[in-house]
Amino acid sequence: IGALTQITDPENPGNPPKEFTFDFS
């Protein structure tokens, strides 16, 4: 989403995703 990259844990899809911000995603 914009510069934000979210990674969801496939083993725990109900957990909030890890979020990382880059100059460009």
PDBML (XML) file of the C-alpha atoms, coordinates in Angstrom:
<?xml version="1.0" encoding="UTF-8" ?>
<PDBx:datablock datablockName="MODEL"
   xmlns:PDBx="http://pdbml.pdb.org/schema/pdbx-v50.xsd"
   xmlns:xsi="http://www.w3.org/2001/XMLSchema-instance"
   xsi:schemaLocation="http://pdbml.pdb.org/schema/pdbx-v50.xsd pdbx-v50.xsd">
   <PDBx:atom_siteCategory>
      <PDBx:atom_site id="1">
         <PDBx:B_iso_or_equiv>0.00</PDBx:B_iso_or_equiv>
         <PDBx:Cartn_x>0.000</PDBx:Cartn_x>
         <PDBx:Cartn_y>0.000</PDBx:Cartn_y>
         <PDBx:Cartn_z>0.000</PDBx:Cartn_z>
         <PDBx:auth_asym_id>A</PDBx:auth_asym_id>
         <PDBx:auth_atom_id>CA</PDBx:auth_atom_id>
         <PDBx:auth_comp_id>ILE</PDBx:auth_comp_id>
         <PDBx:auth_seq_id>1</PDBx:auth_seq_id>
         <PDBx:group_PDB>ATOM</PDBx:group_PDB>
         <PDBx:label_alt_id xsi:nil="true" />
         <PDBx:label_asym_id>A</PDBx:label_asym_id>
         <PDBx:label_atom_id>CA</PDBx:label_atom_id>
         <PDBx:label_comp_id>ILE</PDBx:label_comp_id>
         <PDBx:label_entity_id>1</PDBx:label_entity_id>
         <PDBx:label_seq_id>1</PDBx:label_seq_id>
         <PDBx:occupancy>1.00</PDBx:occupancy>
         <PDBx:pdbx_PDB_model_num>1</PDBx:pdbx_PDB_model_num>
         <PDBx:type_symbol>C</PDBx:type_symbol>
      </PDBx:atom_site>
      <PDBx:atom_site id="2">
         <PDBx:B_iso_or_equiv>0.00</PDBx:B_iso_or_equiv>
         <PDBx:Cartn_x>1.993</PDBx:Cartn_x>
         <PDBx:Cartn_y>2.961</PDBx:Cartn_y>
         <PDBx:Cartn_z>-1.262</PDBx:Cartn_z>
         <PDBx:auth_asym_id>A</PDBx:auth_asym_id>
         <PDBx:auth_atom_id>CA</PDBx:auth_atom_id>
         <PDBx:auth_comp_id>GLY</PDBx:auth_comp_id>
         <PDBx:auth_seq_id>2</PDBx:auth_seq_id>
         <PDBx:group_PDB>ATOM</PDBx:group_PDB>
         <PDBx:label_alt_id xsi:nil="true" />
         <PDBx:label_asym_id>A</PDBx:label_asym_id>
         <PDBx:label_atom_id>CA</PDBx:label_atom_id>
         <PDBx:label_comp_id>GLY</PDBx:label_comp_id>
         <PDBx:label_entity_id>1</PDBx:label_entity_id>
         <PDBx:label_seq_id>2</PDBx:label_seq_id>
         <PDBx:occupancy>1.00</PDBx:occupancy>
         <PDBx:pdbx_PDB_model_num>1</PDBx:pdbx_PDB_model_num>
         <PDBx:type_symbol>C</PDBx:type_symbol>
      </PDBx:atom_site>
      <PDBx:atom_site id="3">
         <PDBx:B_iso_or_equiv>0.00</PDBx:B_iso_or_equiv>
         <PDBx:Cartn_x>5.470</PDBx:Cartn_x>
         <PDBx:Cartn_y>2.729</PDBx:Cartn_y>
         <PDBx:Cartn_z>0.274</PDBx:Cartn_z>
         <PDBx:auth_asym_id>A</PDBx:auth_asym_id>
         <PDBx:auth_atom_id>CA</PDBx:auth_atom_id>
         <PDBx:auth_comp_id>ALA</PDBx:auth_comp_id>
         <PDBx:auth_seq_id>3</PDBx:auth_seq_id>
         <PDBx:group_PDB>ATOM</PDBx:group_PDB>
         <PDBx:label_alt_id xsi:nil="true" />
         <PDBx:label_asym_id>A</PDBx:label_asym_id>
         <PDBx:label_atom_id>CA</PDBx:label_atom_id>
         <PDBx:label_comp_id>ALA</PDBx:label_comp_id>
         <PDBx:label_entity_id>1</PDBx:label_entity_id>
         <PDBx:label_seq_id>3</PDBx:label_seq_id>
         <PDBx:occupancy>1.00</PDBx:occupancy>
         <PDBx:pdbx_PDB_model_num>1</PDBx:pdbx_PDB_model_num>
         <PDBx:type_symbol>C</PDBx:type_symbol>
      </PDBx:atom_site>
      <PDBx:atom_site id="4">
         <PDBx:B_iso_or_equiv>0.00</PDBx:B_iso_or_equiv>
         <PDBx:Cartn_x>4.249</PDBx:Cartn_x>
         <PDBx:Cartn_y>0.247</PDBx:Cartn_y>
         <PDBx:Cartn_z>2.917</PDBx:Cartn_z>
         <PDBx:auth_asym_id>A</PDBx:auth_asym_id>
         <PDBx:auth_atom_id>CA</PDBx:auth_atom_id>
         <PDBx:auth_comp_id>LEU</PDBx:auth_comp_id>
         <PDBx:auth_seq_id>4</PDBx:auth_seq_id>
         <PDBx:group_PDB>ATOM</PDBx:group_PDB>
         <PDBx:label_alt_id xsi:nil="true" />
         <PDBx:label_asym_id>A</PDBx:label_asym_id>
         <PDBx:label_atom_id>CA</PDBx:label_atom_id>
         <PDBx:label_comp_id>LEU</PDBx:label_comp_id>
         <PDBx:label_entity_id>1</PDBx:label_entity_id>
         <PDBx:label_seq_id>4</PDBx:label_seq_id>
         <PDBx:occupancy>1.00</PDBx:occupancy>
         <PDBx:pdbx_PDB_model_num>1</PDBx:pdbx_PDB_model_num>
         <PDBx:type_symbol>C</PDBx:type_symbol>
      </PDBx:atom_site>
      <PDBx:atom_site id="5">
         <PDBx:B_iso_or_equiv>0.00</PDBx:B_iso_or_equiv>
         <PDBx:Cartn_x>4.892</PDBx:Cartn_x>
         <PDBx:Cartn_y>-3.486</PDBx:Cartn_y>
         <PDBx:Cartn_z>2.531</PDBx:Cartn_z>
         <PDBx:auth_asym_id>A</PDBx:auth_asym_id>
         <PDBx:auth_atom_id>CA</PDBx:auth_atom_id>
         <PDBx:auth_comp_id>THR</PDBx:auth_comp_id>
         <PDBx:auth_seq_id>5</PDBx:auth_seq_id>
         <PDBx:group_PDB>ATOM</PDBx:group_PDB>
         <PDBx:label_alt_id xsi:nil="true" />
         <PDBx:label_asym_id>A</PDBx:label_asym_id>
         <PDBx:label_atom_id>CA</PDBx:label_atom_id>
         <PDBx:label_comp_id>THR</PDBx:label_comp_id>
         <PDBx:label_entity_id>1</PDBx:label_entity_id>
         <PDBx:label_seq_id>5</PDBx:label_seq_id>
         <PDBx:occupancy>1.00</PDBx:occupancy>
         <PDBx:pdbx_PDB_model_num>1</PDBx:pdbx_PDB_model_num>
         <PDBx:type_symbol>C</PDBx:type_symbol>
      </PDBx:atom_site>
      <PDBx:atom_site id="6">
         <PDBx:B_iso_or_equiv>0.00</PDBx:B_iso_or_equiv>
         <PDBx:Cartn_x>2.945</PDBx:Cartn_x>
         <PDBx:Cartn_y>-5.893</PDBx:Cartn_y>
         <PDBx:Cartn_z>4.738</PDBx:Cartn_z>
         <PDBx:auth_asym_id>A</PDBx:auth_asym_id>
         <PDBx:auth_atom_id>CA</PDBx:auth_atom_id>
         <PDBx:auth_comp_id>GLN</PDBx:auth_comp_id>
         <PDBx:auth_seq_id>6</PDBx:auth_seq_id>
         <PDBx:group_PDB>ATOM</PDBx:group_PDB>
         <PDBx:label_alt_id xsi:nil="true" />
         <PDBx:label_asym_id>A</PDBx:label_asym_id>
         <PDBx:label_atom_id>CA</PDBx:label_atom_id>
         <PDBx:label_comp_id>GLN</PDBx:label_comp_id>
         <PDBx:label_entity_id>1</PDBx:label_entity_id>
         <PDBx:label_seq_id>6</PDBx:label_seq_id>
         <PDBx:occupancy>1.00</PDBx:occupancy>
         <PDBx:pdbx_PDB_model_num>1</PDBx:pdbx_PDB_model_num>
         <PDBx:type_symbol>C</PDBx:type_symbol>
      </PDBx:atom_site>
      <PDBx:atom_site id="7">
         <PDBx:B_iso_or_equiv>0.00</PDBx:B_iso_or_equiv>
         <PDBx:Cartn_x>3.882</PDBx:Cartn_x>
         <PDBx:Cartn_y>-9.530</PDBx:Cartn_y>
         <PDBx:Cartn_z>5.322</PDBx:Cartn_z>
         <PDBx:auth_asym_id>A</PDBx:auth_asym_id>
         <PDBx:auth_atom_id>CA</PDBx:auth_atom_id>
         <PDBx:auth_comp_id>ILE</PDBx:auth_comp_id>
         <PDBx:auth_seq_id>7</PDBx:auth_seq_id>
         <PDBx:group_PDB>ATOM</PDBx:group_PDB>
         <PDBx:label_alt_id xsi:nil="true" />
         <PDBx:label_asym_id>A</PDBx:label_asym_id>
         <PDBx:label_atom_id>CA</PDBx:label_atom_id>
         <PDBx:label_comp_id>ILE</PDBx:label_comp_id>
         <PDBx:label_entity_id>1</PDBx:label_entity_id>
         <PDBx:label_seq_id>7</PDBx:label_seq_id>
         <PDBx:occupancy>1.00</PDBx:occupancy>
         <PDBx:pdbx_PDB_model_num>1</PDBx:pdbx_PDB_model_num>
         <PDBx:type_symbol>C</PDBx:type_symbol>
      </PDBx:atom_site>
      <PDBx:atom_site id="8">
         <PDBx:B_iso_or_equiv>0.00</PDBx:B_iso_or_equiv>
         <PDBx:Cartn_x>1.331</PDBx:Cartn_x>
         <PDBx:Cartn_y>-11.924</PDBx:Cartn_y>
         <PDBx:Cartn_z>6.812</PDBx:Cartn_z>
         <PDBx:auth_asym_id>A</PDBx:auth_asym_id>
         <PDBx:auth_atom_id>CA</PDBx:auth_atom_id>
         <PDBx:auth_comp_id>THR</PDBx:auth_comp_id>
         <PDBx:auth_seq_id>8</PDBx:auth_seq_id>
         <PDBx:group_PDB>ATOM</PDBx:group_PDB>
         <PDBx:label_alt_id xsi:nil="true" />
         <PDBx:label_asym_id>A</PDBx:label_asym_id>
         <PDBx:label_atom_id>CA</PDBx:label_atom_id>
         <PDBx:label_comp_id>THR</PDBx:label_comp_id>
         <PDBx:label_entity_id>1</PDBx:label_entity_id>
         <PDBx:label_seq_id>8</PDBx:label_seq_id>
         <PDBx:occupancy>1.00</PDBx:occupancy>
         <PDBx:pdbx_PDB_model_num>1</PDBx:pdbx_PDB_model_num>
         <PDBx:type_symbol>C</PDBx:type_symbol>
      </PDBx:atom_site>
      <PDBx:atom_site id="9">
         <PDBx:B_iso_or_equiv>0.00</PDBx:B_iso_or_equiv>
         <PDBx:Cartn_x>2.490</PDBx:Cartn_x>
         <PDBx:Cartn_y>-15.049</PDBx:Cartn_y>
         <PDBx:Cartn_z>8.635</PDBx:Cartn_z>
         <PDBx:auth_asym_id>A</PDBx:auth_asym_id>
         <PDBx:auth_atom_id>CA</PDBx:auth_atom_id>
         <PDBx:auth_comp_id>ASP</PDBx:auth_comp_id>
         <PDBx:auth_seq_id>9</PDBx:auth_seq_id>
         <PDBx:group_PDB>ATOM</PDBx:group_PDB>
         <PDBx:label_alt_id xsi:nil="true" />
         <PDBx:label_asym_id>A</PDBx:label_asym_id>
         <PDBx:label_atom_id>CA</PDBx:label_atom_id>
         <PDBx:label_comp_id>ASP</PDBx:label_comp_id>
         <PDBx:label_entity_id>1</PDBx:label_entity_id>
         <PDBx:label_seq_id>9</PDBx:label_seq_id>
         <PDBx:occupancy>1.00</PDBx:occupancy>
         <PDBx:pdbx_PDB_model_num>1</PDBx:pdbx_PDB_model_num>
         <PDBx:type_symbol>C</PDBx:type_symbol>
      </PDBx:atom_site>
      <PDBx:atom_site id="10">
         <PDBx:B_iso_or_equiv>0.00</PDBx:B_iso_or_equiv>
         <PDBx:Cartn_x>0.853</PDBx:Cartn_x>
         <PDBx:Cartn_y>-17.932</PDBx:Cartn_y>
         <PDBx:Cartn_z>6.695</PDBx:Cartn_z>
         <PDBx:auth_asym_id>A</PDBx:auth_asym_id>
         <PDBx:auth_atom_id>CA</PDBx:auth_atom_id>
         <PDBx:auth_comp_id>PRO</PDBx:auth_comp_id>
         <PDBx:auth_seq_id>10</PDBx:auth_seq_id>
         <PDBx:group_PDB>ATOM</PDBx:group_PDB>
         <PDBx:label_alt_id xsi:nil="true" />
         <PDBx:label_asym_id>A</PDBx:label_asym_id>
         <PDBx:label_atom_id>CA</PDBx:label_atom_id>
         <PDBx:label_comp_id>PRO</PDBx:label_comp_id>
         <PDBx:label_entity_id>1</PDBx:label_entity_id>
         <PDBx:label_seq_id>10</PDBx:label_seq_id>
         <PDBx:occupancy>1.00</PDBx:occupancy>
         <PDBx:pdbx_PDB_model_num>1</PDBx:pdbx_PDB_model_num>
         <PDBx:type_symbol>C</PDBx:type_symbol>
      </PDBx:atom_site>
      <PDBx:atom_site id="11">
         <PDBx:B_iso_or_equiv>0.00</PDBx:B_iso_or_equiv>
         <PDBx:Cartn_x>0.904</PDBx:Cartn_x>
         <PDBx:Cartn_y>-20.083</PDBx:Cartn_y>
         <PDBx:Cartn_z>9.854</PDBx:Cartn_z>
         <PDBx:auth_asym_id>A</PDBx:auth_asym_id>
         <PDBx:auth_atom_id>CA</PDBx:auth_atom_id>
         <PDBx:auth_comp_id>GLU</PDBx:auth_comp_id>
         <PDBx:auth_seq_id>11</PDBx:auth_seq_id>
         <PDBx:group_PDB>ATOM</PDBx:group_PDB>
         <PDBx:label_alt_id xsi:nil="true" />
         <PDBx:label_asym_id>A</PDBx:label_asym_id>
         <PDBx:label_atom_id>CA</PDBx:label_atom_id>
         <PDBx:label_comp_id>GLU</PDBx:label_comp_id>
         <PDBx:label_entity_id>1</PDBx:label_entity_id>
         <PDBx:label_seq_id>11</PDBx:label_seq_id>
         <PDBx:occupancy>1.00</PDBx:occupancy>
         <PDBx:pdbx_PDB_model_num>1</PDBx:pdbx_PDB_model_num>
         <PDBx:type_symbol>C</PDBx:type_symbol>
      </PDBx:atom_site>
      <PDBx:atom_site id="12">
         <PDBx:B_iso_or_equiv>0.00</PDBx:B_iso_or_equiv>
         <PDBx:Cartn_x>-0.931</PDBx:Cartn_x>
         <PDBx:Cartn_y>-17.378</PDBx:Cartn_y>
         <PDBx:Cartn_z>11.838</PDBx:Cartn_z>
         <PDBx:auth_asym_id>A</PDBx:auth_asym_id>
         <PDBx:auth_atom_id>CA</PDBx:auth_atom_id>
         <PDBx:auth_comp_id>ASN</PDBx:auth_comp_id>
         <PDBx:auth_seq_id>12</PDBx:auth_seq_id>
         <PDBx:group_PDB>ATOM</PDBx:group_PDB>
         <PDBx:label_alt_id xsi:nil="true" />
         <PDBx:label_asym_id>A</PDBx:label_asym_id>
         <PDBx:label_atom_id>CA</PDBx:label_atom_id>
         <PDBx:label_comp_id>ASN</PDBx:label_comp_id>
         <PDBx:label_entity_id>1</PDBx:label_entity_id>
         <PDBx:label_seq_id>12</PDBx:label_seq_id>
         <PDBx:occupancy>1.00</PDBx:occupancy>
         <PDBx:pdbx_PDB_model_num>1</PDBx:pdbx_PDB_model_num>
         <PDBx:type_symbol>C</PDBx:type_symbol>
      </PDBx:atom_site>
      <PDBx:atom_site id="13">
         <PDBx:B_iso_or_equiv>0.00</PDBx:B_iso_or_equiv>
         <PDBx:Cartn_x>-3.075</PDBx:Cartn_x>
         <PDBx:Cartn_y>-15.433</PDBx:Cartn_y>
         <PDBx:Cartn_z>9.352</PDBx:Cartn_z>
         <PDBx:auth_asym_id>A</PDBx:auth_asym_id>
         <PDBx:auth_atom_id>CA</PDBx:auth_atom_id>
         <PDBx:auth_comp_id>PRO</PDBx:auth_comp_id>
         <PDBx:auth_seq_id>13</PDBx:auth_seq_id>
         <PDBx:group_PDB>ATOM</PDBx:group_PDB>
         <PDBx:label_alt_id xsi:nil="true" />
         <PDBx:label_asym_id>A</PDBx:label_asym_id>
         <PDBx:label_atom_id>CA</PDBx:label_atom_id>
         <PDBx:label_comp_id>PRO</PDBx:label_comp_id>
         <PDBx:label_entity_id>1</PDBx:label_entity_id>
         <PDBx:label_seq_id>13</PDBx:label_seq_id>
         <PDBx:occupancy>1.00</PDBx:occupancy>
         <PDBx:pdbx_PDB_model_num>1</PDBx:pdbx_PDB_model_num>
         <PDBx:type_symbol>C</PDBx:type_symbol>
      </PDBx:atom_site>
      <PDBx:atom_site id="14">
         <PDBx:B_iso_or_equiv>0.00</PDBx:B_iso_or_equiv>
         <PDBx:Cartn_x>-5.136</PDBx:Cartn_x>
         <PDBx:Cartn_y>-13.874</PDBx:Cartn_y>
         <PDBx:Cartn_z>12.166</PDBx:Cartn_z>
         <PDBx:auth_asym_id>A</PDBx:auth_asym_id>
         <PDBx:auth_atom_id>CA</PDBx:auth_atom_id>
         <PDBx:auth_comp_id>GLY</PDBx:auth_comp_id>
         <PDBx:auth_seq_id>14</PDBx:auth_seq_id>
         <PDBx:group_PDB>ATOM</PDBx:group_PDB>
         <PDBx:label_alt_id xsi:nil="true" />
         <PDBx:label_asym_id>A</PDBx:label_asym_id>
         <PDBx:label_atom_id>CA</PDBx:label_atom_id>
         <PDBx:label_comp_id>GLY</PDBx:label_comp_id>
         <PDBx:label_entity_id>1</PDBx:label_entity_id>
         <PDBx:label_seq_id>14</PDBx:label_seq_id>
         <PDBx:occupancy>1.00</PDBx:occupancy>
         <PDBx:pdbx_PDB_model_num>1</PDBx:pdbx_PDB_model_num>
         <PDBx:type_symbol>C</PDBx:type_symbol>
      </PDBx:atom_site>
      <PDBx:atom_site id="15">
         <PDBx:B_iso_or_equiv>0.00</PDBx:B_iso_or_equiv>
         <PDBx:Cartn_x>-2.100</PDBx:Cartn_x>
         <PDBx:Cartn_y>-12.072</PDBx:Cartn_y>
         <PDBx:Cartn_z>13.572</PDBx:Cartn_z>
         <PDBx:auth_asym_id>A</PDBx:auth_asym_id>
         <PDBx:auth_atom_id>CA</PDBx:auth_atom_id>
         <PDBx:auth_comp_id>ASN</PDBx:auth_comp_id>
         <PDBx:auth_seq_id>15</PDBx:auth_seq_id>
         <PDBx:group_PDB>ATOM</PDBx:group_PDB>
         <PDBx:label_alt_id xsi:nil="true" />
         <PDBx:label_asym_id>A</PDBx:label_asym_id>
         <PDBx:label_atom_id>CA</PDBx:label_atom_id>
         <PDBx:label_comp_id>ASN</PDBx:label_comp_id>
         <PDBx:label_entity_id>1</PDBx:label_entity_id>
         <PDBx:label_seq_id>15</PDBx:label_seq_id>
         <PDBx:occupancy>1.00</PDBx:occupancy>
         <PDBx:pdbx_PDB_model_num>1</PDBx:pdbx_PDB_model_num>
         <PDBx:type_symbol>C</PDBx:type_symbol>
      </PDBx:atom_site>
      <PDBx:atom_site id="16">
         <PDBx:B_iso_or_equiv>0.00</PDBx:B_iso_or_equiv>
         <PDBx:Cartn_x>-1.441</PDBx:Cartn_x>
         <PDBx:Cartn_y>-8.518</PDBx:Cartn_y>
         <PDBx:Cartn_z>12.406</PDBx:Cartn_z>
         <PDBx:auth_asym_id>A</PDBx:auth_asym_id>
         <PDBx:auth_atom_id>CA</PDBx:auth_atom_id>
         <PDBx:auth_comp_id>PRO</PDBx:auth_comp_id>
         <PDBx:auth_seq_id>16</PDBx:auth_seq_id>
         <PDBx:group_PDB>ATOM</PDBx:group_PDB>
         <PDBx:label_alt_id xsi:nil="true" />
         <PDBx:label_asym_id>A</PDBx:label_asym_id>
         <PDBx:label_atom_id>CA</PDBx:label_atom_id>
         <PDBx:label_comp_id>PRO</PDBx:label_comp_id>
         <PDBx:label_entity_id>1</PDBx:label_entity_id>
         <PDBx:label_seq_id>16</PDBx:label_seq_id>
         <PDBx:occupancy>1.00</PDBx:occupancy>
         <PDBx:pdbx_PDB_model_num>1</PDBx:pdbx_PDB_model_num>
         <PDBx:type_symbol>C</PDBx:type_symbol>
      </PDBx:atom_site>
      <PDBx:atom_site id="17">
         <PDBx:B_iso_or_equiv>0.00</PDBx:B_iso_or_equiv>
         <PDBx:Cartn_x>0.987</PDBx:Cartn_x>
         <PDBx:Cartn_y>-8.370</PDBx:Cartn_y>
         <PDBx:Cartn_z>9.467</PDBx:Cartn_z>
         <PDBx:auth_asym_id>A</PDBx:auth_asym_id>
         <PDBx:auth_atom_id>CA</PDBx:auth_atom_id>
         <PDBx:auth_comp_id>PRO</PDBx:auth_comp_id>
         <PDBx:auth_seq_id>17</PDBx:auth_seq_id>
         <PDBx:group_PDB>ATOM</PDBx:group_PDB>
         <PDBx:label_alt_id xsi:nil="true" />
         <PDBx:label_asym_id>A</PDBx:label_asym_id>
         <PDBx:label_atom_id>CA</PDBx:label_atom_id>
         <PDBx:label_comp_id>PRO</PDBx:label_comp_id>
         <PDBx:label_entity_id>1</PDBx:label_entity_id>
         <PDBx:label_seq_id>17</PDBx:label_seq_id>
         <PDBx:occupancy>1.00</PDBx:occupancy>
         <PDBx:pdbx_PDB_model_num>1</PDBx:pdbx_PDB_model_num>
         <PDBx:type_symbol>C</PDBx:type_symbol>
      </PDBx:atom_site>
      <PDBx:atom_site id="18">
         <PDBx:B_iso_or_equiv>0.00</PDBx:B_iso_or_equiv>
         <PDBx:Cartn_x>4.563</PDBx:Cartn_x>
         <PDBx:Cartn_y>-7.214</PDBx:Cartn_y>
         <PDBx:Cartn_z>9.862</PDBx:Cartn_z>
         <PDBx:auth_asym_id>A</PDBx:auth_asym_id>
         <PDBx:auth_atom_id>CA</PDBx:auth_atom_id>
         <PDBx:auth_comp_id>LYS</PDBx:auth_comp_id>
         <PDBx:auth_seq_id>18</PDBx:auth_seq_id>
         <PDBx:group_PDB>ATOM</PDBx:group_PDB>
         <PDBx:label_alt_id xsi:nil="true" />
         <PDBx:label_asym_id>A</PDBx:label_asym_id>
         <PDBx:label_atom_id>CA</PDBx:label_atom_id>
         <PDBx:label_comp_id>LYS</PDBx:label_comp_id>
         <PDBx:label_entity_id>1</PDBx:label_entity_id>
         <PDBx:label_seq_id>18</PDBx:label_seq_id>
         <PDBx:occupancy>1.00</PDBx:occupancy>
         <PDBx:pdbx_PDB_model_num>1</PDBx:pdbx_PDB_model_num>
         <PDBx:type_symbol>C</PDBx:type_symbol>
      </PDBx:atom_site>
      <PDBx:atom_site id="19">
         <PDBx:B_iso_or_equiv>0.00</PDBx:B_iso_or_equiv>
         <PDBx:Cartn_x>4.939</PDBx:Cartn_x>
         <PDBx:Cartn_y>-3.797</PDBx:Cartn_y>
         <PDBx:Cartn_z>8.266</PDBx:Cartn_z>
         <PDBx:auth_asym_id>A</PDBx:auth_asym_id>
         <PDBx:auth_atom_id>CA</PDBx:auth_atom_id>
         <PDBx:auth_comp_id>GLU</PDBx:auth_comp_id>
         <PDBx:auth_seq_id>19</PDBx:auth_seq_id>
         <PDBx:group_PDB>ATOM</PDBx:group_PDB>
         <PDBx:label_alt_id xsi:nil="true" />
         <PDBx:label_asym_id>A</PDBx:label_asym_id>
         <PDBx:label_atom_id>CA</PDBx:label_atom_id>
         <PDBx:label_comp_id>GLU</PDBx:label_comp_id>
         <PDBx:label_entity_id>1</PDBx:label_entity_id>
         <PDBx:label_seq_id>19</PDBx:label_seq_id>
         <PDBx:occupancy>1.00</PDBx:occupancy>
         <PDBx:pdbx_PDB_model_num>1</PDBx:pdbx_PDB_model_num>
         <PDBx:type_symbol>C</PDBx:type_symbol>
      </PDBx:atom_site>
      <PDBx:atom_site id="20">
         <PDBx:B_iso_or_equiv>0.00</PDBx:B_iso_or_equiv>
         <PDBx:Cartn_x>7.948</PDBx:Cartn_x>
         <PDBx:Cartn_y>-2.279</PDBx:Cartn_y>
         <PDBx:Cartn_z>6.548</PDBx:Cartn_z>
         <PDBx:auth_asym_id>A</PDBx:auth_asym_id>
         <PDBx:auth_atom_id>CA</PDBx:auth_atom_id>
         <PDBx:auth_comp_id>PHE</PDBx:auth_comp_id>
         <PDBx:auth_seq_id>20</PDBx:auth_seq_id>
         <PDBx:group_PDB>ATOM</PDBx:group_PDB>
         <PDBx:label_alt_id xsi:nil="true" />
         <PDBx:label_asym_id>A</PDBx:label_asym_id>
         <PDBx:label_atom_id>CA</PDBx:label_atom_id>
         <PDBx:label_comp_id>PHE</PDBx:label_comp_id>
         <PDBx:label_entity_id>1</PDBx:label_entity_id>
         <PDBx:label_seq_id>20</PDBx:label_seq_id>
         <PDBx:occupancy>1.00</PDBx:occupancy>
         <PDBx:pdbx_PDB_model_num>1</PDBx:pdbx_PDB_model_num>
         <PDBx:type_symbol>C</PDBx:type_symbol>
      </PDBx:atom_site>
      <PDBx:atom_site id="21">
         <PDBx:B_iso_or_equiv>0.00</PDBx:B_iso_or_equiv>
         <PDBx:Cartn_x>8.241</PDBx:Cartn_x>
         <PDBx:Cartn_y>1.086</PDBx:Cartn_y>
         <PDBx:Cartn_z>4.847</PDBx:Cartn_z>
         <PDBx:auth_asym_id>A</PDBx:auth_asym_id>
         <PDBx:auth_atom_id>CA</PDBx:auth_atom_id>
         <PDBx:auth_comp_id>THR</PDBx:auth_comp_id>
         <PDBx:auth_seq_id>21</PDBx:auth_seq_id>
         <PDBx:group_PDB>ATOM</PDBx:group_PDB>
         <PDBx:label_alt_id xsi:nil="true" />
         <PDBx:label_asym_id>A</PDBx:label_asym_id>
         <PDBx:label_atom_id>CA</PDBx:label_atom_id>
         <PDBx:label_comp_id>THR</PDBx:label_comp_id>
         <PDBx:label_entity_id>1</PDBx:label_entity_id>
         <PDBx:label_seq_id>21</PDBx:label_seq_id>
         <PDBx:occupancy>1.00</PDBx:occupancy>
         <PDBx:pdbx_PDB_model_num>1</PDBx:pdbx_PDB_model_num>
         <PDBx:type_symbol>C</PDBx:type_symbol>
      </PDBx:atom_site>
      <PDBx:atom_site id="22">
         <PDBx:B_iso_or_equiv>0.00</PDBx:B_iso_or_equiv>
         <PDBx:Cartn_x>10.536</PDBx:Cartn_x>
         <PDBx:Cartn_y>1.669</PDBx:Cartn_y>
         <PDBx:Cartn_z>1.879</PDBx:Cartn_z>
         <PDBx:auth_asym_id>A</PDBx:auth_asym_id>
         <PDBx:auth_atom_id>CA</PDBx:auth_atom_id>
         <PDBx:auth_comp_id>PHE</PDBx:auth_comp_id>
         <PDBx:auth_seq_id>22</PDBx:auth_seq_id>
         <PDBx:group_PDB>ATOM</PDBx:group_PDB>
         <PDBx:label_alt_id xsi:nil="true" />
         <PDBx:label_asym_id>A</PDBx:label_asym_id>
         <PDBx:label_atom_id>CA</PDBx:label_atom_id>
         <PDBx:label_comp_id>PHE</PDBx:label_comp_id>
         <PDBx:label_entity_id>1</PDBx:label_entity_id>
         <PDBx:label_seq_id>22</PDBx:label_seq_id>
         <PDBx:occupancy>1.00</PDBx:occupancy>
         <PDBx:pdbx_PDB_model_num>1</PDBx:pdbx_PDB_model_num>
         <PDBx:type_symbol>C</PDBx:type_symbol>
      </PDBx:atom_site>
      <PDBx:atom_site id="23">
         <PDBx:B_iso_or_equiv>0.00</PDBx:B_iso_or_equiv>
         <PDBx:Cartn_x>11.000</PDBx:Cartn_x>
         <PDBx:Cartn_y>4.593</PDBx:Cartn_y>
         <PDBx:Cartn_z>-0.459</PDBx:Cartn_z>
         <PDBx:auth_asym_id>A</PDBx:auth_asym_id>
         <PDBx:auth_atom_id>CA</PDBx:auth_atom_id>
         <PDBx:auth_comp_id>ASP</PDBx:auth_comp_id>
         <PDBx:auth_seq_id>23</PDBx:auth_seq_id>
         <PDBx:group_PDB>ATOM</PDBx:group_PDB>
         <PDBx:label_alt_id xsi:nil="true" />
         <PDBx:label_asym_id>A</PDBx:label_asym_id>
         <PDBx:label_atom_id>CA</PDBx:label_atom_id>
         <PDBx:label_comp_id>ASP</PDBx:label_comp_id>
         <PDBx:label_entity_id>1</PDBx:label_entity_id>
         <PDBx:label_seq_id>23</PDBx:label_seq_id>
         <PDBx:occupancy>1.00</PDBx:occupancy>
         <PDBx:pdbx_PDB_model_num>1</PDBx:pdbx_PDB_model_num>
         <PDBx:type_symbol>C</PDBx:type_symbol>
      </PDBx:atom_site>
      <PDBx:atom_site id="24">
         <PDBx:B_iso_or_equiv>0.00</PDBx:B_iso_or_equiv>
         <PDBx:Cartn_x>9.064</PDBx:Cartn_x>
         <PDBx:Cartn_y>2.540</PDBx:Cartn_y>
         <PDBx:Cartn_z>-3.002</PDBx:Cartn_z>
         <PDBx:auth_asym_id>A</PDBx:auth_asym_id>
         <PDBx:auth_atom_id>CA</PDBx:auth_atom_id>
         <PDBx:auth_comp_id>PHE</PDBx:auth_comp_id>
         <PDBx:auth_seq_id>24</PDBx:auth_seq_id>
         <PDBx:group_PDB>ATOM</PDBx:group_PDB>
         <PDBx:label_alt_id xsi:nil="true" />
         <PDBx:label_asym_id>A</PDBx:label_asym_id>
         <PDBx:label_atom_id>CA</PDBx:label_atom_id>
         <PDBx:label_comp_id>PHE</PDBx:label_comp_id>
         <PDBx:label_entity_id>1</PDBx:label_entity_id>
         <PDBx:label_seq_id>24</PDBx:label_seq_id>
         <PDBx:occupancy>1.00</PDBx:occupancy>
         <PDBx:pdbx_PDB_model_num>1</PDBx:pdbx_PDB_model_num>
         <PDBx:type_symbol>C</PDBx:type_symbol>
      </PDBx:atom_site>
      <PDBx:atom_site id="25">
         <PDBx:B_iso_or_equiv>0.00</PDBx:B_iso_or_equiv>
         <PDBx:Cartn_x>7.044</PDBx:Cartn_x>
         <PDBx:Cartn_y>-0.669</PDBx:Cartn_y>
         <PDBx:Cartn_z>-2.682</PDBx:Cartn_z>
         <PDBx:auth_asym_id>A</PDBx:auth_asym_id>
         <PDBx:auth_atom_id>CA</PDBx:auth_atom_id>
         <PDBx:auth_comp_id>SER</PDBx:auth_comp_id>
         <PDBx:auth_seq_id>25</PDBx:auth_seq_id>
         <PDBx:group_PDB>ATOM</PDBx:group_PDB>
         <PDBx:label_alt_id xsi:nil="true" />
         <PDBx:label_asym_id>A</PDBx:label_asym_id>
         <PDBx:label_atom_id>CA</PDBx:label_atom_id>
         <PDBx:label_comp_id>SER</PDBx:label_comp_id>
         <PDBx:label_entity_id>1</PDBx:label_entity_id>
         <PDBx:label_seq_id>25</PDBx:label_seq_id>
         <PDBx:occupancy>1.00</PDBx:occupancy>
         <PDBx:pdbx_PDB_model_num>1</PDBx:pdbx_PDB_model_num>
         <PDBx:type_symbol>C</PDBx:type_symbol>
      </PDBx:atom_site>
   </PDBx:atom_siteCategory>
</PDBx:datablock>
